[in-house]
Amino acid sequence: MNRNGVLRVYANRVDAARDINADVHSSSTNRIRIIGISLHDFRNHSDLVEVWQTIVKRARTERSLDVKILLIDPDCLGAQLQSKGEERATGQGGTLKDEVRSLIRELIDLQCNCKDNGVSFERKLYRLPPILFLLHMNSVSYVQPYYFWSSRSSNPFPMLKFGGSAESVHSELEEHFNWIWDKAAVDLAEYDRWSRGTDGGICQAGMTIYTDHTDLAGLRRLSRCSQKLRRESRFKASRSIHSSTVGHTLASTKR
């Protein structure tokens, strides 16, 4: 564990709250990267609210802070799986979508305030199944893997604190963040456009539409799907005709 840069293991993120807040508050921390689902705990749990309040306060009052936040796109397939999964134990509808949209509004307001003091504050929505919670800073990072729990009261994975050299897991986690930020996330303005009309349904279904004819593998998959749909359509039509013929025959016999 020391070789991988693990500094400490916590039973859950609440147990790590005091250390997280100390590191977020540290004057040596001027770069903060966060990957979460809706950051519900950091806005509602008493032990973690202080962490969020520290980030917000620093963003509003300091001039040398660089913050980037990744939340899940509430309309993507990964979010649908997460939200539906949380209904299994209780049978109650999930609140993920409302939570993300509420935080989006807060982040938009915060970003507007940050423009006045020169703080770099950016936020995007990622379109992947949740992989891990990450709070990455200059010298340390806090990580907690996700899984599709059946309720929010389910036992979480432990949280790990990483630090180390340029080739440590801590460094790789920054690359992990940047990869999602660059390749699998959209800005809120783009999300607002994509979440409407047919684009919203396509996103929720996890569909991929190919527009490049050079993508032969994609075209072959589309061809196989098309052939399967045609076979199913012919089979249903055949059954319908058969049922209609039988019904007509029986009716004629009765007459």
Protein backbone atom coordinates (compact mmCIF):
# COMPACT_ATOMS: atom_id res chain seq x y z
CA MET A 1 0.00 0.00 0.00
CA ASN A 2 2.83 2.39 0.75
CA ARG A 3 4.31 1.62 -2.64
CA ASN A 4 1.05 2.72 -4.28
CA GLY A 5 0.97 5.90 -2.25
CA VAL A 6 -1.88 4.96 0.10
CA LEU A 7 -1.62 7.23 3.13
CA ARG A 8 -4.72 6.14 5.01
CA VAL A 9 -7.89 4.04 4.71
CA TYR A 10 -11.24 5.21 6.10
CA ALA A 11 -14.34 3.09 6.65
CA ASN A 12 -16.40 5.69 4.74
CA ARG A 13 -16.23 9.30 3.58
CA VAL A 14 -17.80 10.62 6.79
CA ASP A 15 -14.85 9.25 8.77
CA ALA A 16 -12.55 11.09 6.35
CA ALA A 17 -14.43 14.41 6.58
CA ARG A 18 -12.11 16.10 9.08
CA ASP A 19 -8.96 15.24 7.11
CA ILE A 20 -10.59 16.21 3.80
CA ASN A 21 -11.58 19.61 5.16
CA ALA A 22 -8.09 20.22 6.53
CA ASP A 23 -6.54 19.47 3.14
CA VAL A 24 -9.13 21.55 1.25
CA HIS A 25 -8.53 24.44 3.65
CA SER A 26 -4.73 24.22 3.40
CA SER A 27 -3.01 27.23 1.83
CA SER A 28 -0.88 24.81 -0.22
CA THR A 29 -4.02 23.61 -2.03
CA ASN A 30 -4.77 25.81 -5.04
CA ARG A 31 -6.09 23.13 -7.39
CA ILE A 32 -9.23 21.07 -6.66
CA ARG A 33 -10.76 18.41 -8.90
CA ILE A 34 -13.98 16.61 -7.96
CA ILE A 35 -15.81 13.70 -9.57
CA GLY A 36 -19.12 12.80 -7.97
CA ILE A 37 -22.65 11.71 -8.78
CA SER A 38 -24.71 14.50 -7.21
CA LEU A 39 -22.49 15.39 -4.21
CA HIS A 40 -25.58 14.80 -2.08
CA ASP A 41 -23.59 13.94 1.06
CA PHE A 42 -21.43 17.07 0.80
CA ARG A 43 -24.49 19.29 0.71
CA ASN A 44 -26.64 17.47 3.27
CA HIS A 45 -24.54 15.42 5.72
CA SER A 46 -23.49 17.42 8.76
CA ASP A 47 -19.94 16.04 8.80
CA LEU A 48 -19.36 16.73 5.10
CA VAL A 49 -21.20 20.02 4.61
CA GLU A 50 -18.22 21.83 6.12
CA VAL A 51 -16.01 20.51 3.31
CA TRP A 52 -18.34 21.90 0.65
CA GLN A 53 -18.68 25.19 2.51
CA THR A 54 -14.90 25.52 2.64
CA ILE A 55 -14.63 25.00 -1.13
CA VAL A 56 -17.40 27.54 -1.80
CA LYS A 57 -15.89 30.09 0.60
CA ARG A 58 -12.45 29.79 -0.95
CA ALA A 59 -13.90 30.07 -4.46
CA ARG A 60 -15.69 33.29 -3.52
CA THR A 61 -12.89 34.99 -1.59
CA GLU A 62 -9.55 33.90 -3.07
CA ARG A 63 -7.76 34.71 -6.31
CA SER A 64 -5.43 31.74 -6.76
CA LEU A 65 -7.80 28.79 -6.89
CA ASP A 66 -8.51 26.45 -9.80
CA VAL A 67 -11.61 24.28 -9.37
CA LYS A 68 -13.13 21.76 -11.78
CA ILE A 69 -16.17 19.65 -10.90
CA LEU A 70 -17.59 16.65 -12.76
CA LEU A 71 -21.16 15.55 -11.98
CA ILE A 72 -23.08 12.78 -13.68
CA ASP A 73 -25.38 13.74 -16.55
CA PRO A 74 -28.77 12.94 -14.96
CA ASP A 75 -30.16 11.88 -18.34
CA CYS A 76 -27.40 9.44 -19.33
CA LEU A 77 -27.72 5.66 -19.14
CA GLY A 78 -25.32 5.45 -16.19
CA ALA A 79 -27.49 7.82 -14.16
CA GLN A 80 -30.63 5.90 -15.10
CA LEU A 81 -29.04 2.66 -13.84
CA GLN A 82 -27.89 4.34 -10.63
CA SER A 83 -31.26 5.92 -9.93
CA LYS A 84 -33.27 2.79 -10.73
CA GLY A 85 -30.85 0.67 -8.71
CA GLU A 86 -31.51 2.77 -5.63
CA GLU A 87 -35.21 1.93 -5.88
CA ARG A 88 -34.70 -1.82 -5.44
CA ALA A 89 -34.66 -1.85 -1.64
CA THR A 90 -37.30 0.79 -0.96
CA GLY A 91 -39.47 0.73 -4.07
CA GLN A 92 -39.51 4.51 -3.98
CA GLY A 93 -38.59 6.71 -6.93
CA GLY A 94 -35.04 8.00 -7.06
CA THR A 95 -34.16 11.66 -6.49
CA LEU A 96 -30.88 11.71 -8.40
CA LYS A 97 -32.11 13.89 -11.26
CA ASP A 98 -33.53 16.57 -8.97
CA GLU A 99 -30.36 16.57 -6.84
CA VAL A 100 -28.06 17.05 -9.83
CA ARG A 101 -30.20 19.82 -11.31
CA SER A 102 -30.34 21.59 -7.95
CA LEU A 103 -26.55 21.50 -7.68
CA ILE A 104 -26.20 22.67 -11.29
CA ARG A 105 -28.12 25.83 -10.43
CA GLU A 106 -25.89 26.41 -7.41
CA LEU A 107 -22.73 25.89 -9.46
CA ILE A 108 -23.89 28.32 -12.15
CA ASP A 109 -24.43 31.01 -9.50
CA LEU A 110 -21.06 30.23 -7.92
CA GLN A 111 -19.28 30.44 -11.26
CA CYS A 112 -20.80 33.88 -11.89
CA ASN A 113 -19.50 35.08 -8.52
CA CYS A 114 -16.05 33.67 -9.24
CA LYS A 115 -15.70 35.73 -12.41
CA ASP A 116 -15.38 38.86 -10.27
CA ASN A 117 -12.33 37.66 -8.33
CA GLY A 118 -10.53 35.78 -11.11
CA VAL A 119 -10.92 32.27 -9.66
CA SER A 120 -11.05 29.53 -12.30
CA PHE A 121 -14.24 27.58 -11.64
CA GLU A 122 -15.51 25.11 -14.24
CA ARG A 123 -18.08 22.33 -14.20
CA LYS A 124 -19.15 19.61 -16.62
CA LEU A 125 -21.44 16.59 -16.72
CA TYR A 126 -19.97 13.19 -17.52
CA ARG A 127 -21.87 10.54 -19.49
CA LEU A 128 -20.57 7.32 -17.97
CA PRO A 129 -21.73 4.90 -15.29
CA PRO A 130 -20.37 6.14 -11.93
CA ILE A 131 -16.88 4.73 -11.37
CA LEU A 132 -15.52 6.45 -8.29
CA PHE A 133 -15.78 9.52 -6.12
CA LEU A 134 -12.62 11.59 -6.41
CA LEU A 135 -11.46 14.70 -4.62
CA HIS A 136 -8.02 15.48 -6.04
CA MET A 137 -5.79 18.27 -4.76
CA ASN A 138 -2.17 19.30 -5.27
CA SER A 139 -0.53 16.75 -3.03
CA VAL A 140 -3.30 14.35 -1.92
CA SER A 141 -6.44 12.76 -3.27
CA TYR A 142 -9.41 11.00 -1.69
CA VAL A 143 -11.00 8.12 -3.59
CA GLN A 144 -14.06 5.94 -2.98
CA PRO A 145 -15.26 3.41 -5.60
CA TYR A 146 -18.94 3.29 -6.54
CA TYR A 147 -21.19 0.32 -7.25
CA PHE A 148 -24.88 0.06 -8.12
CA TRP A 149 -26.16 -0.13 -4.55
CA SER A 150 -29.79 -1.10 -3.89
CA SER A 151 -30.31 1.85 -1.54
CA ARG A 152 -28.30 4.79 -0.27
CA SER A 153 -28.09 3.17 3.12
CA SER A 154 -26.16 0.24 1.63
CA ASN A 155 -22.61 -0.30 2.89
CA PRO A 156 -20.16 1.84 0.90
CA PHE A 157 -16.64 0.96 -0.14
CA PRO A 158 -13.90 2.31 2.12
CA MET A 159 -12.32 5.65 1.21
CA LEU A 160 -8.61 5.83 0.46
CA LYS A 161 -6.26 8.77 0.80
CA PHE A 162 -3.41 8.86 -1.72
CA GLY A 163 -0.29 10.95 -2.00
CA GLY A 164 3.10 10.48 -3.57
CA SER A 165 5.42 11.18 -6.46
CA ALA A 166 4.76 12.06 -10.08
CA GLU A 167 4.34 8.35 -10.96
CA SER A 168 2.03 7.45 -8.09
CA VAL A 169 -1.66 6.52 -8.14
CA HIS A 170 -2.30 10.09 -6.98
CA SER A 171 -0.81 11.36 -10.24
CA GLU A 172 -2.70 8.79 -12.31
CA LEU A 173 -5.97 9.88 -10.72
CA GLU A 174 -5.44 13.37 -12.10
CA GLU A 175 -4.99 11.82 -15.55
CA HIS A 176 -8.19 9.83 -14.93
CA PHE A 177 -10.04 13.08 -14.22
CA ASN A 178 -8.60 14.83 -17.27
CA TRP A 179 -9.49 11.92 -19.56
CA ILE A 180 -13.15 12.01 -18.53
CA TRP A 181 -13.19 15.81 -18.63
CA ASP A 182 -11.85 15.87 -22.20
CA LYS A 183 -13.46 12.74 -23.69
CA ALA A 184 -16.72 11.93 -21.88
CA ALA A 185 -18.17 15.13 -20.48
CA VAL A 186 -20.22 18.08 -21.73
CA ASP A 187 -20.48 21.65 -20.57
CA LEU A 188 -23.75 22.72 -19.00
CA ALA A 189 -24.63 24.84 -22.02
CA GLU A 190 -24.21 21.81 -24.28
CA TYR A 191 -26.19 19.66 -21.87
CA ASP A 192 -29.07 22.13 -22.02
CA ARG A 193 -29.19 21.69 -25.79
CA TRP A 194 -28.76 17.90 -25.79
CA SER A 195 -31.29 17.18 -23.04
CA ARG A 196 -34.21 18.25 -25.19
CA GLY A 197 -36.20 16.45 -27.87
CA THR A 198 -34.96 13.16 -29.31
CA ASP A 199 -31.41 13.75 -28.01
CA GLY A 200 -32.60 13.23 -24.43
CA GLY A 201 -34.13 9.85 -25.24
CA ILE A 202 -31.07 8.75 -27.20
CA CYS A 203 -28.84 9.65 -24.26
CA GLN A 204 -31.05 7.85 -21.72
CA ALA A 205 -31.08 4.70 -23.84
CA GLY A 206 -27.31 4.68 -24.20
CA MET A 207 -27.63 4.67 -27.99
CA THR A 208 -24.80 5.53 -30.36
CA ILE A 209 -25.50 7.04 -33.77
CA TYR A 210 -22.79 6.66 -36.41
CA THR A 211 -22.35 9.36 -39.00
CA ASP A 212 -18.92 8.32 -40.29
CA HIS A 213 -19.19 5.75 -43.09
CA THR A 214 -15.57 4.69 -42.41
CA ASP A 215 -16.60 3.18 -39.08
CA LEU A 216 -17.04 -0.31 -40.53
CA ALA A 217 -17.45 -2.03 -37.15
CA GLY A 218 -20.24 0.37 -36.23
CA LEU A 219 -21.93 -0.11 -39.59
CA ARG A 220 -21.77 -3.89 -39.24
CA ARG A 221 -23.42 -3.65 -35.82
CA LEU A 222 -26.13 -1.45 -37.27
CA SER A 223 -26.62 -3.93 -40.13
CA ARG A 224 -27.02 -6.85 -37.73
CA CYS A 225 -29.52 -4.90 -35.62
CA SER A 226 -31.46 -3.94 -38.73
CA GLN A 227 -31.59 -7.55 -39.94
CA LYS A 228 -32.76 -8.73 -36.52
CA LEU A 229 -35.51 -6.11 -36.46
CA ARG A 230 -36.66 -7.11 -39.93
CA ARG A 231 -36.80 -10.80 -38.94
CA GLU A 232 -38.77 -9.97 -35.80
CA SER A 233 -41.10 -7.76 -37.81
CA ARG A 234 -41.75 -10.52 -40.39
CA PHE A 235 -42.33 -13.06 -37.61
CA LYS A 236 -44.86 -10.81 -35.88
CA ALA A 237 -46.60 -10.10 -39.18
CA SER A 238 -46.73 -13.84 -39.94
CA ARG A 239 -48.27 -14.59 -36.54
CA SER A 240 -50.79 -11.80 -37.02
CA ILE A 241 -51.85 -13.13 -40.43
CA HIS A 242 -52.05 -16.68 -39.07
CA SER A 243 -54.22 -15.58 -36.14
CA SER A 244 -56.47 -13.60 -38.45
CA THR A 245 -56.87 -16.58 -40.83
CA VAL A 246 -57.68 -18.99 -38.02
CA GLY A 247 -60.21 -16.58 -36.57
CA HIS A 248 -61.87 -16.11 -39.95
CA THR A 249 -62.02 -19.89 -40.50
CA LEU A 250 -63.60 -20.52 -37.12
CA ALA A 251 -66.13 -17.78 -37.70
CA SER A 252 -67.04 -19.28 -41.09
CA THR A 253 -67.43 -22.75 -39.53
CA LYS A 254 -69.81 -21.41 -36.90
CA ARG A 255 -71.95 -19.75 -39.53
